[in-house]
C-alpha atoms as a PDB file:
ATOM      1  CA  MET A   1     -31.674 -40.645 -44.656  1.00  0.00           C
ATOM      2  CA  GLN A   2     -33.248 -43.838 -43.334  1.00  0.00           C
ATOM      3  CA  ALA A   3     -36.908 -43.833 -42.318  1.00  0.00           C
ATOM      4  CA  TYR A   4     -37.672 -45.911 -39.245  1.00  0.00           C
ATOM      5  CA  ALA A   5     -41.013 -47.211 -37.993  1.00  0.00           C
ATOM      6  CA  GLN A   6     -42.475 -45.367 -35.036  1.00  0.00           C
ATOM      7  CA  THR A   7     -44.009 -47.436 -32.237  1.00  0.00           C
ATOM      8  CA  LYS A   8     -46.419 -46.313 -29.521  1.00  0.00           C
ATOM      9  CA  ASN A   9     -47.361 -48.518 -26.570  1.00  0.00           C
ATOM     10  CA  ILE A  10     -50.435 -48.067 -24.371  1.00  0.00           C
ATOM     11  CA  VAL A  11     -50.943 -50.143 -21.233  1.00  0.00           C
ATOM     12  CA  ILE A  12     -54.362 -50.138 -19.539  1.00  0.00           C
ATOM     13  CA  ASN A  13     -54.659 -51.504 -16.017  1.00  0.00           C
ATOM     14  CA  SER A  14     -58.276 -52.148 -15.063  1.00  0.00           C
ATOM     15  CA  ASN A  15     -57.331 -53.805 -11.775  1.00  0.00           C
ATOM     16  CA  PRO A  16     -54.099 -55.131 -10.250  1.00  0.00           C
ATOM     17  CA  ASP A  17     -54.554 -58.631 -11.754  1.00  0.00           C
ATOM     18  CA  THR A  18     -55.275 -57.775 -15.414  1.00  0.00           C
ATOM     19  CA  SER A  19     -53.888 -55.356 -17.935  1.00  0.00           C
ATOM     20  CA  VAL A  20     -54.236 -54.771 -21.655  1.00  0.00           C
ATOM     21  CA  SER A  21     -51.313 -53.700 -23.818  1.00  0.00           C
ATOM     22  CA  ILE A  22     -51.841 -51.995 -27.182  1.00  0.00           C
ATOM     23  CA  GLU A  23     -48.974 -51.463 -29.624  1.00  0.00           C
ATOM     24  CA  GLN A  24     -49.285 -49.259 -32.699  1.00  0.00           C
ATOM     25  CA  THR A  25     -46.582 -49.191 -35.343  1.00  0.00           C
ATOM     26  CA  THR A  26     -46.535 -46.646 -38.141  1.00  0.00           C
ATOM     27  CA  THR A  27     -44.112 -46.452 -41.023  1.00  0.00           C
ATOM     28  CA  PRO A  28     -43.310 -43.006 -42.390  1.00  0.00           C
ATOM     29  CA  SER A  29     -44.436 -42.225 -45.919  1.00  0.00           C
ATOM     30  CA  ALA A  30     -42.184 -43.504 -48.670  1.00  0.00           C
ATOM     31  CA  GLY A  31     -42.689 -40.245 -50.567  1.00  0.00           C
ATOM     32  CA  ILE A  32     -43.485 -39.895 -54.231  1.00  0.00           C
ATOM     33  CA  GLU A  33     -41.450 -41.196 -57.164  1.00  0.00           C
ATOM     34  CA  VAL A  34     -41.509 -39.848 -60.718  1.00  0.00           C
ATOM     35  CA  GLY A  35     -39.208 -41.123 -63.436  1.00  0.00           C
ATOM     36  CA  GLY A  36     -36.829 -42.789 -60.995  1.00  0.00           C
ATOM     37  CA  VAL A  37     -36.485 -39.624 -58.879  1.00  0.00           C
ATOM     38  CA  LYS A  38     -37.825 -40.053 -55.358  1.00  0.00           C
ATOM     39  CA  LEU A  39     -38.939 -37.100 -53.235  1.00  0.00           C
ATOM     40  CA  ILE A  40     -39.272 -37.698 -49.490  1.00  0.00           C
ATOM     41  CA  THR A  41     -40.281 -34.603 -47.514  1.00  0.00           C
ATOM     42  CA  ASP A  42     -42.399 -36.161 -44.721  1.00  0.00           C
ATOM     43  CA  LEU A  43     -45.208 -33.882 -45.919  1.00  0.00           C
ATOM     44  CA  PRO A  44     -48.597 -35.014 -47.253  1.00  0.00           C
ATOM     45  CA  TRP A  45     -48.615 -36.572 -50.733  1.00  0.00           C
ATOM     46  CA  TYR A  46     -50.339 -33.578 -52.324  1.00  0.00           C
ATOM     47  CA  ILE A  47     -47.561 -31.209 -51.242  1.00  0.00           C
ATOM     48  CA  ASP A  48     -44.990 -33.620 -52.686  1.00  0.00           C
ATOM     49  CA  THR A  49     -47.020 -33.593 -55.922  1.00  0.00           C
ATOM     50  CA  VAL A  50     -47.086 -29.775 -56.012  1.00  0.00           C
ATOM     51  CA  ILE A  51     -43.298 -29.711 -55.560  1.00  0.00           C
ATOM     52  CA  ILE A  52     -42.817 -32.195 -58.425  1.00  0.00           C
ATOM     53  CA  MET A  53     -45.167 -30.199 -60.685  1.00  0.00           C
ATOM     54  CA  ALA A  54     -43.313 -26.952 -59.850  1.00  0.00           C
ATOM     55  CA  ILE A  55     -39.998 -28.585 -60.789  1.00  0.00           C
ATOM     56  CA  ILE A  56     -41.481 -29.843 -64.071  1.00  0.00           C
ATOM     57  CA  GLY A  57     -42.855 -26.338 -64.752  1.00  0.00           C
ATOM     58  CA  ILE A  58     -39.450 -24.750 -64.145  1.00  0.00           C
ATOM     59  CA  ILE A  59     -37.816 -27.255 -66.518  1.00  0.00           C
ATOM     60  CA  TYR A  60     -40.498 -26.553 -69.172  1.00  0.00           C
ATOM     61  CA  VAL A  61     -40.090 -22.759 -68.948  1.00  0.00           C
ATOM     62  CA  GLY A  62     -36.301 -23.142 -68.990  1.00  0.00           C
ATOM     63  CA  LYS A  63     -36.491 -25.286 -72.124  1.00  0.00           C
ATOM     64  CA  LYS A  64     -38.724 -22.707 -73.847  1.00  0.00           C
ATOM     65  CA  PHE A  65     -36.256 -19.951 -72.909  1.00  0.00           C
ATOM     66  CA  VAL A  66     -33.291 -21.911 -74.277  1.00  0.00           C
ATOM     67  CA  ASP A  67     -35.206 -22.720 -77.491  1.00  0.00           C
ATOM     68  CA  LYS A  68     -36.095 -19.045 -77.941  1.00  0.00           C
ATOM     69  CA  PHE A  69     -32.507 -17.981 -77.181  1.00  0.00           C
ATOM     70  CA  PHE A  70     -31.094 -20.296 -79.871  1.00  0.00           C
ATOM     71  CA  ASN A  71     -34.010 -19.651 -82.313  1.00  0.00           C
ATOM     72  CA  VAL A  72     -34.867 -23.331 -82.666  1.00  0.00           C
END
């Protein structure tokens, strides 16, 4: 999925002879990257961080379960 910049234009006409144009460009968040794995959810950075920490927690608990299963 390719993230594209979003542009907003505002034109203000104070009288028929003059006008002011305002352009605002925003680039979507690049997400968070941990260990070469990039997570892009278009959510705030702290929610991305919670998702990464939940994944790490699941891996940790899974490793403990496998270790206990094989009596290592």
